[in-house]
Amino acid sequence: MQFNEEKPIWRQIYELIAMRILAGEWPEQERIVSVREMAQMVGVNPNTVMRSYERLEGDGIIFNRRGIGFFVAEGAKEHIKQLERKKFMDEELPKLRERLVFLGLSIDVAVRE
């Protein structure tokens, strides 16, 4: 996996897993790869992956069945969409709005082109 230097690796792994869930690769209630397997897949220390899994669990996207592994939580897909919408509205939309104003464009013109 190619990592972006501007964002923490654990956050990029978090987003990778969230996108896989959104894409349907890991359906709700299905087991996801173990921390060790993910660490090998992306080439990082298992502690980094564990930090991602802990945050995903804290956000209600995955859950742990002790001794069995991590699973996708029921409603995870919709929950991820809500989190991504909020992130877009809070972080990306203000930048986009500012850029449109700077270029003298309206949202209608930007969407049509």
PDB file of N, CA and C in Angstrom:
ATOM      1  N   MET A   1       0.847  -1.183   0.000  1.00  0.00           N
ATOM      2  CA  MET A   1       0.000   0.000   0.000  1.00  0.00           C
ATOM      3  C   MET A   1       0.884   1.234   0.000  1.00  0.00           C
ATOM      4  N   GLN A   2       0.518   2.206  -0.817  1.00  0.00           N
ATOM      5  CA  GLN A   2       1.225   3.486  -0.851  1.00  0.00           C
ATOM      6  C   GLN A   2       0.580   4.431   0.167  1.00  0.00           C
ATOM      7  N   PHE A   3       1.363   4.906   1.096  1.00  0.00           N
ATOM      8  CA  PHE A   3       0.832   5.783   2.128  1.00  0.00           C
ATOM      9  C   PHE A   3       1.098   7.240   1.796  1.00  0.00           C
ATOM     10  N   ASN A   4       0.152   8.089   2.176  1.00  0.00           N
ATOM     11  CA  ASN A   4       0.250   9.529   2.012  1.00  0.00           C
ATOM     12  C   ASN A   4       0.976  10.074   3.246  1.00  0.00           C
ATOM     13  N   GLU A   5       2.039  10.803   3.040  1.00  0.00           N
ATOM     14  CA  GLU A   5       2.831  11.314   4.159  1.00  0.00           C
ATOM     15  C   GLU A   5       2.102  12.379   4.974  1.00  0.00           C
ATOM     16  N   GLU A   6       1.042  12.957   4.421  1.00  0.00           N
ATOM     17  CA  GLU A   6       0.343  14.033   5.100  1.00  0.00           C
ATOM     18  C   GLU A   6      -0.723  13.543   6.082  1.00  0.00           C
ATOM     19  N   LYS A   7      -0.961  12.238   6.104  1.00  0.00           N
ATOM     20  CA  LYS A   7      -2.010  11.690   6.964  1.00  0.00           C
ATOM     21  C   LYS A   7      -1.425  10.508   7.740  1.00  0.00           C
ATOM     22  N   PRO A   8      -1.760  10.358   9.025  1.00  0.00           N
ATOM     23  CA  PRO A   8      -1.225   9.235   9.805  1.00  0.00           C
ATOM     24  C   PRO A   8      -1.581   7.885   9.154  1.00  0.00           C
ATOM     25  N   ILE A   9      -0.654   6.949   9.226  1.00  0.00           N
ATOM     26  CA  ILE A   9      -0.849   5.637   8.606  1.00  0.00           C
ATOM     27  C   ILE A   9      -2.069   4.937   9.194  1.00  0.00           C
ATOM     28  N   TRP A  10      -2.247   5.019  10.512  1.00  0.00           N
ATOM     29  CA  TRP A  10      -3.402   4.340  11.133  1.00  0.00           C
ATOM     30  C   TRP A  10      -4.696   4.881  10.546  1.00  0.00           C
ATOM     31  N   ARG A  11      -4.736   6.191  10.230  1.00  0.00           N
ATOM     32  CA  ARG A  11      -5.940   6.804   9.672  1.00  0.00           C
ATOM     33  C   ARG A  11      -6.193   6.306   8.248  1.00  0.00           C
ATOM     34  N   GLN A  12      -5.123   6.111   7.485  1.00  0.00           N
ATOM     35  CA  GLN A  12      -5.253   5.616   6.124  1.00  0.00           C
ATOM     36  C   GLN A  12      -5.749   4.168   6.105  1.00  0.00           C
ATOM     37  N   ILE A  13      -5.305   3.379   7.079  1.00  0.00           N
ATOM     38  CA  ILE A  13      -5.780   1.992   7.201  1.00  0.00           C
ATOM     39  C   ILE A  13      -7.253   2.000   7.607  1.00  0.00           C
ATOM     40  N   TYR A  14      -7.614   2.870   8.528  1.00  0.00           N
ATOM     41  CA  TYR A  14      -9.013   3.045   8.942  1.00  0.00           C
ATOM     42  C   TYR A  14      -9.867   3.320   7.711  1.00  0.00           C
ATOM     43  N   GLU A  15      -9.452   4.259   6.889  1.00  0.00           N
ATOM     44  CA  GLU A  15     -10.205   4.634   5.698  1.00  0.00           C
ATOM     45  C   GLU A  15     -10.256   3.502   4.668  1.00  0.00           C
ATOM     46  N   LEU A  16      -9.169   2.754   4.534  1.00  0.00           N
ATOM     47  CA  LEU A  16      -9.137   1.605   3.627  1.00  0.00           C
ATOM     48  C   LEU A  16     -10.195   0.580   4.032  1.00  0.00           C
ATOM     49  N   ILE A  17     -10.252   0.269   5.306  1.00  0.00           N
ATOM     50  CA  ILE A  17     -11.231  -0.703   5.806  1.00  0.00           C
ATOM     51  C   ILE A  17     -12.649  -0.164   5.627  1.00  0.00           C
ATOM     52  N   ALA A  18     -12.861   1.104   5.948  1.00  0.00           N
ATOM     53  CA  ALA A  18     -14.184   1.707   5.783  1.00  0.00           C
ATOM     54  C   ALA A  18     -14.626   1.654   4.320  1.00  0.00           C
ATOM     55  N   MET A  19     -13.720   1.940   3.398  1.00  0.00           N
ATOM     56  CA  MET A  19     -14.070   1.911   1.974  1.00  0.00           C
ATOM     57  C   MET A  19     -14.375   0.486   1.505  1.00  0.00           C
ATOM     58  N   ARG A  20     -13.670  -0.489   2.049  1.00  0.00           N
ATOM     59  CA  ARG A  20     -13.954  -1.892   1.699  1.00  0.00           C
ATOM     60  C   ARG A  20     -15.338  -2.306   2.201  1.00  0.00           C
ATOM     61  N   ILE A  21     -15.699  -1.812   3.355  1.00  0.00           N
ATOM     62  CA  ILE A  21     -17.034  -2.105   3.890  1.00  0.00           C
ATOM     63  C   ILE A  21     -18.082  -1.430   3.005  1.00  0.00           C
ATOM     64  N   LEU A  22     -17.860  -0.171   2.651  1.00  0.00           N
ATOM     65  CA  LEU A  22     -18.797   0.540   1.776  1.00  0.00           C
ATOM     66  C   LEU A  22     -18.932  -0.141   0.418  1.00  0.00           C
ATOM     67  N   ALA A  23     -17.829  -0.672  -0.088  1.00  0.00           N
ATOM     68  CA  ALA A  23     -17.836  -1.336  -1.392  1.00  0.00           C
ATOM     69  C   ALA A  23     -18.477  -2.724  -1.340  1.00  0.00           C
ATOM     70  N   GLY A  24     -18.772  -3.204  -0.126  1.00  0.00           N
ATOM     71  CA  GLY A  24     -19.412  -4.511   0.019  1.00  0.00           C
ATOM     72  C   GLY A  24     -18.448  -5.679   0.065  1.00  0.00           C
ATOM     73  N   GLU A  25     -17.149  -5.396   0.128  1.00  0.00           N
ATOM     74  CA  GLU A  25     -16.165  -6.479   0.217  1.00  0.00           C
ATOM     75  C   GLU A  25     -16.286  -7.220   1.547  1.00  0.00           C
ATOM     76  N   TRP A  26     -16.641  -6.483   2.589  1.00  0.00           N
ATOM     77  CA  TRP A  26     -16.845  -7.066   3.902  1.00  0.00           C
ATOM     78  C   TRP A  26     -18.255  -6.710   4.356  1.00  0.00           C
ATOM     79  N   PRO A  27     -19.215  -7.607   4.135  1.00  0.00           N
ATOM     80  CA  PRO A  27     -20.606  -7.328   4.528  1.00  0.00           C
ATOM     81  C   PRO A  27     -20.769  -7.276   6.050  1.00  0.00           C
ATOM     82  N   GLU A  28     -21.864  -6.674   6.460  1.00  0.00           N
ATOM     83  CA  GLU A  28     -22.169  -6.592   7.884  1.00  0.00           C
ATOM     84  C   GLU A  28     -22.258  -7.985   8.486  1.00  0.00           C
ATOM     85  N   GLN A  29     -21.762  -8.099   9.695  1.00  0.00           N
ATOM     86  CA  GLN A  29     -21.713  -9.342  10.478  1.00  0.00           C
ATOM     87  C   GLN A  29     -20.647 -10.330   9.986  1.00  0.00           C
ATOM     88  N   GLU A  30     -19.882  -9.964   8.948  1.00  0.00           N
ATOM     89  CA  GLU A  30     -18.822 -10.832   8.428  1.00  0.00           C
ATOM     90  C   GLU A  30     -17.510 -10.510   9.132  1.00  0.00           C
ATOM     91  N   ARG A  31     -16.675 -11.522   9.248  1.00  0.00           N
ATOM     92  CA  ARG A  31     -15.358 -11.353   9.858  1.00  0.00           C
ATOM     93  C   ARG A  31     -14.447 -10.634   8.877  1.00  0.00           C
ATOM     94  N   ILE A  32     -13.623  -9.715   9.392  1.00  0.00           N
ATOM     95  CA  ILE A  32     -12.615  -9.061   8.567  1.00  0.00           C
ATOM     96  C   ILE A  32     -11.253  -9.696   8.869  1.00  0.00           C
ATOM     97  N   VAL A  33     -10.264  -9.356   8.092  1.00  0.00           N
ATOM     98  CA  VAL A  33      -8.940  -9.944   8.291  1.00  0.00           C
ATOM     99  C   VAL A  33      -8.407  -9.571   9.669  1.00  0.00           C
ATOM    100  N   SER A  34      -7.569 -10.431  10.204  1.00  0.00           N
ATOM    101  CA  SER A  34      -6.999 -10.182  11.527  1.00  0.00           C
ATOM    102  C   SER A  34      -6.021  -9.018  11.475  1.00  0.00           C
ATOM    103  N   VAL A  35      -5.668  -8.525  12.636  1.00  0.00           N
ATOM    104  CA  VAL A  35      -4.704  -7.437  12.750  1.00  0.00           C
ATOM    105  C   VAL A  35      -3.392  -7.838  12.090  1.00  0.00           C
ATOM    106  N   ARG A  36      -2.936  -9.040  12.358  1.00  0.00           N
ATOM    107  CA  ARG A  36      -1.676  -9.514  11.776  1.00  0.00           C
ATOM    108  C   ARG A  36      -1.756  -9.628  10.251  1.00  0.00           C
ATOM    109  N   GLU A  37      -2.866 -10.178   9.767  1.00  0.00           N
ATOM    110  CA  GLU A  37      -3.047 -10.303   8.317  1.00  0.00           C
ATOM    111  C   GLU A  37      -3.053  -8.927   7.649  1.00  0.00           C
ATOM    112  N   MET A  38      -3.757  -7.982   8.240  1.00  0.00           N
ATOM    113  CA  MET A  38      -3.809  -6.642   7.671  1.00  0.00           C
ATOM    114  C   MET A  38      -2.430  -5.992   7.701  1.00  0.00           C
ATOM    115  N   ALA A  39      -1.708  -6.187   8.798  1.00  0.00           N
ATOM    116  CA  ALA A  39      -0.359  -5.629   8.905  1.00  0.00           C
ATOM    117  C   ALA A  39       0.539  -6.167   7.786  1.00  0.00           C
ATOM    118  N   GLN A  40       0.435  -7.459   7.512  1.00  0.00           N
ATOM    119  CA  GLN A  40       1.212  -8.051   6.421  1.00  0.00           C
ATOM    120  C   GLN A  40       0.764  -7.518   5.063  1.00  0.00           C
ATOM    121  N   MET A  41      -0.540  -7.382   4.877  1.00  0.00           N
ATOM    122  CA  MET A  41      -1.089  -6.901   3.603  1.00  0.00           C
ATOM    123  C   MET A  41      -0.593  -5.501   3.252  1.00  0.00           C
ATOM    124  N   VAL A  42      -0.558  -4.624   4.250  1.00  0.00           N
ATOM    125  CA  VAL A  42      -0.196  -3.238   3.983  1.00  0.00           C
ATOM    126  C   VAL A  42       1.249  -2.905   4.351  1.00  0.00           C
ATOM    127  N   GLY A  43       1.938  -3.854   4.973  1.00  0.00           N
ATOM    128  CA  GLY A  43       3.354  -3.686   5.264  1.00  0.00           C
ATOM    129  C   GLY A  43       3.676  -2.741   6.403  1.00  0.00           C
ATOM    130  N   VAL A  44       2.903  -2.857   7.490  1.00  0.00           N
ATOM    131  CA  VAL A  44       3.163  -2.010   8.658  1.00  0.00           C
ATOM    132  C   VAL A  44       3.188  -2.867   9.927  1.00  0.00           C
ATOM    133  N   ASN A  45       3.555  -2.249  11.010  1.00  0.00           N
ATOM    134  CA  ASN A  45       3.587  -2.908  12.311  1.00  0.00           C
ATOM    135  C   ASN A  45       2.155  -3.225  12.760  1.00  0.00           C
ATOM    136  N   PRO A  46       1.932  -4.413  13.345  1.00  0.00           N
ATOM    137  CA  PRO A  46       0.593  -4.751  13.840  1.00  0.00           C
ATOM    138  C   PRO A  46       0.021  -3.740  14.839  1.00  0.00           C
ATOM    139  N   ASN A  47       0.886  -3.058  15.601  1.00  0.00           N
ATOM    140  CA  ASN A  47       0.398  -2.054  16.549  1.00  0.00           C
ATOM    141  C   ASN A  47      -0.300  -0.892  15.828  1.00  0.00           C
ATOM    142  N   THR A  48       0.192  -0.548  14.650  1.00  0.00           N
ATOM    143  CA  THR A  48      -0.419   0.517  13.852  1.00  0.00           C
ATOM    144  C   THR A  48      -1.808   0.085  13.394  1.00  0.00           C
ATOM    145  N   VAL A  49      -1.912  -1.157  12.936  1.00  0.00           N
ATOM    146  CA  VAL A  49      -3.201  -1.697  12.503  1.00  0.00           C
ATOM    147  C   VAL A  49      -4.150  -1.774  13.689  1.00  0.00           C
ATOM    148  N   MET A  50      -3.646  -2.195  14.830  1.00  0.00           N
ATOM    149  CA  MET A  50      -4.489  -2.303  16.029  1.00  0.00           C
ATOM    150  C   MET A  50      -5.077  -0.946  16.392  1.00  0.00           C
ATOM    151  N   ARG A  51      -4.302   0.104  16.222  1.00  0.00           N
ATOM    152  CA  ARG A  51      -4.821   1.447  16.506  1.00  0.00           C
ATOM    153  C   ARG A  51      -6.010   1.757  15.579  1.00  0.00           C
ATOM    154  N   SER A  52      -5.901   1.369  14.309  1.00  0.00           N
ATOM    155  CA  SER A  52      -7.002   1.568  13.357  1.00  0.00           C
ATOM    156  C   SER A  52      -8.228   0.778  13.783  1.00  0.00           C
ATOM    157  N   TYR A  53      -8.009  -0.485  14.157  1.00  0.00           N
ATOM    158  CA  TYR A  53      -9.117  -1.347  14.560  1.00  0.00           C
ATOM    159  C   TYR A  53      -9.792  -0.820  15.820  1.00  0.00           C
ATOM    160  N   GLU A  54      -8.984  -0.323  16.749  1.00  0.00           N
ATOM    161  CA  GLU A  54      -9.557   0.233  17.983  1.00  0.00           C
ATOM    162  C   GLU A  54     -10.430   1.450  17.680  1.00  0.00           C
ATOM    163  N   ARG A  55      -9.984   2.291  16.756  1.00  0.00           N
ATOM    164  CA  ARG A  55     -10.770   3.472  16.395  1.00  0.00           C
ATOM    165  C   ARG A  55     -12.045   3.060  15.651  1.00  0.00           C
ATOM    166  N   LEU A  56     -11.925   2.080  14.738  1.00  0.00           N
ATOM    167  CA  LEU A  56     -13.102   1.568  14.029  1.00  0.00           C
ATOM    168  C   LEU A  56     -14.107   0.984  15.018  1.00  0.00           C
ATOM    169  N   GLU A  57     -13.597   0.272  16.013  1.00  0.00           N
ATOM    170  CA  GLU A  57     -14.468  -0.306  17.033  1.00  0.00           C
ATOM    171  C   GLU A  57     -15.112   0.803  17.858  1.00  0.00           C
ATOM    172  N   GLY A  58     -14.339   1.800  18.237  1.00  0.00           N
ATOM    173  CA  GLY A  58     -14.869   2.925  18.998  1.00  0.00           C
ATOM    174  C   GLY A  58     -15.933   3.702  18.234  1.00  0.00           C
ATOM    175  N   ASP A  59     -15.810   3.714  16.911  1.00  0.00           N
ATOM    176  CA  ASP A  59     -16.784   4.409  16.066  1.00  0.00           C
ATOM    177  C   ASP A  59     -17.979   3.533  15.713  1.00  0.00           C
ATOM    178  N   GLY A  60     -17.998   2.298  16.233  1.00  0.00           N
ATOM    179  CA  GLY A  60     -19.135   1.418  16.009  1.00  0.00           C
ATOM    180  C   GLY A  60     -19.188   0.793  14.625  1.00  0.00           C
ATOM    181  N   ILE A  61     -18.045   0.735  13.947  1.00  0.00           N
ATOM    182  CA  ILE A  61     -17.991   0.176  12.590  1.00  0.00           C
ATOM    183  C   ILE A  61     -17.653  -1.314  12.617  1.00  0.00           C
ATOM    184  N   ILE A  62     -16.807  -1.703  13.548  1.00  0.00           N
ATOM    185  CA  ILE A  62     -16.481  -3.119  13.726  1.00  0.00           C
ATOM    186  C   ILE A  62     -16.633  -3.464  15.199  1.00  0.00           C
ATOM    187  N   PHE A  63     -16.674  -4.763  15.481  1.00  0.00           N
ATOM    188  CA  PHE A  63     -16.701  -5.204  16.873  1.00  0.00           C
ATOM    189  C   PHE A  63     -15.827  -6.444  16.999  1.00  0.00           C
ATOM    190  N   ASN A  64     -15.391  -6.702  18.220  1.00  0.00           N
ATOM    191  CA  ASN A  64     -14.478  -7.808  18.492  1.00  0.00           C
ATOM    192  C   ASN A  64     -15.212  -8.937  19.195  1.00  0.00           C
ATOM    193  N   ARG A  65     -15.049 -10.131  18.677  1.00  0.00           N
ATOM    194  CA  ARG A  65     -15.496 -11.333  19.384  1.00  0.00           C
ATOM    195  C   ARG A  65     -14.232 -11.984  19.920  1.00  0.00           C
ATOM    196  N   ARG A  66     -14.073 -11.850  21.202  1.00  0.00           N
ATOM    197  CA  ARG A  66     -12.852 -12.322  21.849  1.00  0.00           C
ATOM    198  C   ARG A  66     -12.473 -13.738  21.407  1.00  0.00           C
ATOM    199  N   GLY A  67     -11.239 -13.867  20.959  1.00  0.00           N
ATOM    200  CA  GLY A  67     -10.721 -15.166  20.553  1.00  0.00           C
ATOM    201  C   GLY A  67     -11.113 -15.573  19.138  1.00  0.00           C
ATOM    202  N   ILE A  68     -12.002 -14.808  18.514  1.00  0.00           N
ATOM    203  CA  ILE A  68     -12.446 -15.148  17.155  1.00  0.00           C
ATOM    204  C   ILE A  68     -11.957 -14.117  16.147  1.00  0.00           C
ATOM    205  N   GLY A  69     -12.075 -12.847  16.494  1.00  0.00           N
ATOM    206  CA  GLY A  69     -11.625 -11.790  15.593  1.00  0.00           C
ATOM    207  C   GLY A  69     -12.574 -10.618  15.540  1.00  0.00           C
ATOM    208  N   PHE A  70     -12.338  -9.770  14.559  1.00  0.00           N
ATOM    209  CA  PHE A  70     -13.145  -8.573  14.366  1.00  0.00           C
ATOM    210  C   PHE A  70     -14.169  -8.806  13.266  1.00  0.00           C
ATOM    211  N   PHE A  71     -15.355  -8.214  13.462  1.00  0.00           N
ATOM    212  CA  PHE A  71     -16.468  -8.367  12.536  1.00  0.00           C
ATOM    213  C   PHE A  71     -17.047  -6.998  12.207  1.00  0.00           C
ATOM    214  N   VAL A  72     -17.674  -6.914  11.041  1.00  0.00           N
ATOM    215  CA  VAL A  72     -18.337  -5.676  10.637  1.00  0.00           C
ATOM    216  C   VAL A  72     -19.638  -5.560  11.422  1.00  0.00           C
ATOM    217  N   ALA A  73     -19.833  -4.422  12.033  1.00  0.00           N
ATOM    218  CA  ALA A  73     -21.026  -4.190  12.854  1.00  0.00           C
ATOM    219  C   ALA A  73     -22.267  -4.022  11.979  1.00  0.00           C
ATOM    220  N   GLU A  74     -23.395  -4.380  12.542  1.00  0.00           N
ATOM    221  CA  GLU A  74     -24.664  -4.157  11.855  1.00  0.00           C
ATOM    222  C   GLU A  74     -24.881  -2.649  11.724  1.00  0.00           C
ATOM    223  N   GLY A  75     -25.256  -2.209  10.546  1.00  0.00           N
ATOM    224  CA  GLY A  75     -25.459  -0.785  10.286  1.00  0.00           C
ATOM    225  C   GLY A  75     -24.175  -0.028   9.988  1.00  0.00           C
ATOM    226  N   ALA A  76     -23.059  -0.749   9.857  1.00  0.00           N
ATOM    227  CA  ALA A  76     -21.761  -0.101   9.644  1.00  0.00           C
ATOM    228  C   ALA A  76     -21.719   0.721   8.368  1.00  0.00           C
ATOM    229  N   LYS A  77     -22.303   0.182   7.309  1.00  0.00           N
ATOM    230  CA  LYS A  77     -22.269   0.875   6.020  1.00  0.00           C
ATOM    231  C   LYS A  77     -22.933   2.255   6.125  1.00  0.00           C
ATOM    232  N   GLU A  78     -24.102   2.297   6.705  1.00  0.00           N
ATOM    233  CA  GLU A  78     -24.822   3.569   6.854  1.00  0.00           C
ATOM    234  C   GLU A  78     -24.078   4.497   7.811  1.00  0.00           C
ATOM    235  N   HIS A  79     -23.502   3.930   8.854  1.00  0.00           N
ATOM    236  CA  HIS A  79     -22.760   4.734   9.824  1.00  0.00           C
ATOM    237  C   HIS A  79     -21.537   5.371   9.156  1.00  0.00           C
ATOM    238  N   ILE A  80     -20.835   4.621   8.317  1.00  0.00           N
ATOM    239  CA  ILE A  80     -19.678   5.158   7.598  1.00  0.00           C
ATOM    240  C   ILE A  80     -20.122   6.298   6.685  1.00  0.00           C
ATOM    241  N   LYS A  81     -21.239   6.107   5.995  1.00  0.00           N
ATOM    242  CA  LYS A  81     -21.753   7.163   5.116  1.00  0.00           C
ATOM    243  C   LYS A  81     -22.033   8.434   5.908  1.00  0.00           C
ATOM    244  N   GLN A  82     -22.626   8.292   7.084  1.00  0.00           N
ATOM    245  CA  GLN A  82     -22.917   9.455   7.922  1.00  0.00           C
ATOM    246  C   GLN A  82     -21.632  10.162   8.342  1.00  0.00           C
ATOM    247  N   LEU A  83     -20.630   9.370   8.752  1.00  0.00           N
ATOM    248  CA  LEU A  83     -19.346   9.946   9.156  1.00  0.00           C
ATOM    249  C   LEU A  83     -18.672  10.659   7.986  1.00  0.00           C
ATOM    250  N   GLU A  84     -18.724  10.029   6.803  1.00  0.00           N
ATOM    251  CA  GLU A  84     -18.105  10.622   5.616  1.00  0.00           C
ATOM    252  C   GLU A  84     -18.834  11.884   5.184  1.00  0.00           C
ATOM    253  N   ARG A  85     -20.153  11.899   5.296  1.00  0.00           N
ATOM    254  CA  ARG A  85     -20.927  13.105   4.970  1.00  0.00           C
ATOM    255  C   ARG A  85     -20.538  14.256   5.898  1.00  0.00           C
ATOM    256  N   LYS A  86     -20.459  13.955   7.192  1.00  0.00           N
ATOM    257  CA  LYS A  86     -20.090  14.981   8.164  1.00  0.00           C
ATOM    258  C   LYS A  86     -18.688  15.503   7.871  1.00  0.00           C
ATOM    259  N   LYS A  87     -17.762  14.601   7.590  1.00  0.00           N
ATOM    260  CA  LYS A  87     -16.391  14.996   7.273  1.00  0.00           C
ATOM    261  C   LYS A  87     -16.371  15.887   6.030  1.00  0.00           C
ATOM    262  N   PHE A  88     -17.142  15.523   5.012  1.00  0.00           N
ATOM    263  CA  PHE A  88     -17.216  16.320   3.792  1.00  0.00           C
ATOM    264  C   PHE A  88     -17.755  17.708   4.094  1.00  0.00           C
ATOM    265  N   MET A  89     -18.846  17.768   4.836  1.00  0.00           N
ATOM    266  CA  MET A  89     -19.483  19.045   5.152  1.00  0.00           C
ATOM    267  C   MET A  89     -18.577  19.936   6.017  1.00  0.00           C
ATOM    268  N   ASP A  90     -17.843  19.330   6.948  1.00  0.00           N
ATOM    269  CA  ASP A  90     -16.999  20.089   7.868  1.00  0.00           C
ATOM    270  C   ASP A  90     -15.646  20.476   7.279  1.00  0.00           C
ATOM    271  N   GLU A  91     -15.076  19.590   6.430  1.00  0.00           N
ATOM    272  CA  GLU A  91     -13.701  19.800   5.977  1.00  0.00           C
ATOM    273  C   GLU A  91     -13.581  20.153   4.495  1.00  0.00           C
ATOM    274  N   GLU A  92     -14.265  19.418   3.648  1.00  0.00           N
ATOM    275  CA  GLU A  92     -14.063  19.588   2.215  1.00  0.00           C
ATOM    276  C   GLU A  92     -14.950  20.664   1.594  1.00  0.00           C
ATOM    277  N   LEU A  93     -16.206  20.721   1.985  1.00  0.00           N
ATOM    278  CA  LEU A  93     -17.129  21.683   1.391  1.00  0.00           C
ATOM    279  C   LEU A  93     -16.697  23.135   1.622  1.00  0.00           C
ATOM    280  N   PRO A  94     -16.254  23.514   2.819  1.00  0.00           N
ATOM    281  CA  PRO A  94     -15.802  24.903   2.986  1.00  0.00           C
ATOM    282  C   PRO A  94     -14.638  25.261   2.050  1.00  0.00           C
ATOM    283  N   LYS A  95     -13.720  24.322   1.838  1.00  0.00           N
ATOM    284  CA  LYS A  95     -12.601  24.569   0.917  1.00  0.00           C
ATOM    285  C   LYS A  95     -13.108  24.708  -0.518  1.00  0.00           C
ATOM    286  N   LEU A  96     -14.046  23.846  -0.887  1.00  0.00           N
ATOM    287  CA  LEU A  96     -14.620  23.886  -2.223  1.00  0.00           C
ATOM    288  C   LEU A  96     -15.366  25.205  -2.438  1.00  0.00           C
ATOM    289  N   ARG A  97     -16.159  25.600  -1.450  1.00  0.00           N
ATOM    290  CA  ARG A  97     -16.906  26.850  -1.540  1.00  0.00           C
ATOM    291  C   ARG A  97     -15.944  28.033  -1.712  1.00  0.00           C
ATOM    292  N   GLU A  98     -14.871  28.028  -0.922  1.00  0.00           N
ATOM    293  CA  GLU A  98     -13.876  29.100  -0.999  1.00  0.00           C
ATOM    294  C   GLU A  98     -13.231  29.142  -2.386  1.00  0.00           C
ATOM    295  N   ARG A  99     -12.907  27.992  -2.912  1.00  0.00           N
ATOM    296  CA  ARG A  99     -12.279  27.903  -4.241  1.00  0.00           C
ATOM    297  C   ARG A  99     -13.237  28.389  -5.336  1.00  0.00           C
ATOM    298  N   LEU A 100     -14.512  28.022  -5.235  1.00  0.00           N
ATOM    299  CA  LEU A 100     -15.510  28.471  -6.209  1.00  0.00           C
ATOM    300  C   LEU A 100     -15.627  29.994  -6.200  1.00  0.00           C
ATOM    301  N   VAL A 101     -15.668  30.567  -5.002  1.00  0.00           N
ATOM    302  CA  VAL A 101     -15.761  32.017  -4.881  1.00  0.00           C
ATOM    303  C   VAL A 101     -14.518  32.663  -5.491  1.00  0.00           C
ATOM    304  N   PHE A 102     -13.370  32.128  -5.198  1.00  0.00           N
ATOM    305  CA  PHE A 102     -12.107  32.653  -5.709  1.00  0.00           C
ATOM    306  C   PHE A 102     -12.083  32.651  -7.238  1.00  0.00           C
ATOM    307  N   LEU A 103     -12.640  31.599  -7.835  1.00  0.00           N
ATOM    308  CA  LEU A 103     -12.658  31.471  -9.291  1.00  0.00           C
ATOM    309  C   LEU A 103     -13.864  32.151  -9.941  1.00  0.00           C
ATOM    310  N   GLY A 104     -14.755  32.685  -9.119  1.00  0.00           N
ATOM    311  CA  GLY A 104     -15.929  33.357  -9.639  1.00  0.00           C
ATOM    312  C   GLY A 104     -16.946  32.411 -10.231  1.00  0.00           C
ATOM    313  N   LEU A 105     -17.021  31.210  -9.678  1.00  0.00           N
ATOM    314  CA  LEU A 105     -17.969  30.198 -10.159  1.00  0.00           C
ATOM    315  C   LEU A 105     -19.087  29.996  -9.165  1.00  0.00           C
ATOM    316  N   SER A 106     -20.236  29.630  -9.676  1.00  0.00           N
ATOM    317  CA  SER A 106     -21.340  29.235  -8.798  1.00  0.00           C
ATOM    318  C   SER A 106     -21.342  27.713  -8.729  1.00  0.00           C
ATOM    319  N   ILE A 107     -21.995  27.160  -7.748  1.00  0.00           N
ATOM    320  CA  ILE A 107     -22.078  25.709  -7.608  1.00  0.00           C
ATOM    321  C   ILE A 107     -22.795  25.115  -8.811  1.00  0.00           C
ATOM    322  N   ASP A 108     -23.782  25.824  -9.357  1.00  0.00           N
ATOM    323  CA  ASP A 108     -24.521  25.327 -10.527  1.00  0.00           C
ATOM    324  C   ASP A 108     -23.600  25.170 -11.725  1.00  0.00           C
ATOM    325  N   VAL A 109     -22.743  26.136 -11.963  1.00  0.00           N
ATOM    326  CA  VAL A 109     -21.812  26.072 -13.088  1.00  0.00           C
ATOM    327  C   VAL A 109     -20.807  24.955 -12.867  1.00  0.00           C
ATOM    328  N   ALA A 110     -20.300  24.822 -11.661  1.00  0.00           N
ATOM    329  CA  ALA A 110     -19.301  23.803 -11.358  1.00  0.00           C
ATOM    330  C   ALA A 110     -19.866  22.401 -11.544  1.00  0.00           C
ATOM    331  N   VAL A 111     -21.118  22.188 -11.186  1.00  0.00           N
ATOM    332  CA  VAL A 111     -21.740  20.865 -11.286  1.00  0.00           C
ATOM    333  C   VAL A 111     -22.029  20.498 -12.743  1.00  0.00           C
ATOM    334  N   ARG A 112     -22.424  21.484 -13.546  1.00  0.00           N
ATOM    335  CA  ARG A 112     -22.760  21.214 -14.956  1.00  0.00           C
ATOM    336  C   ARG A 112     -21.536  20.851 -15.781  1.00  0.00           C
ATOM    337  N   GLU A 113     -20.385  21.403 -15.450  1.00  0.00           N
ATOM    338  CA  GLU A 113     -19.205  21.188 -16.286  1.00  0.00           C
ATOM    339  C   GLU A 113     -18.458  19.969 -15.939  1.00  0.00           C
TER     340      GLU A 113
END
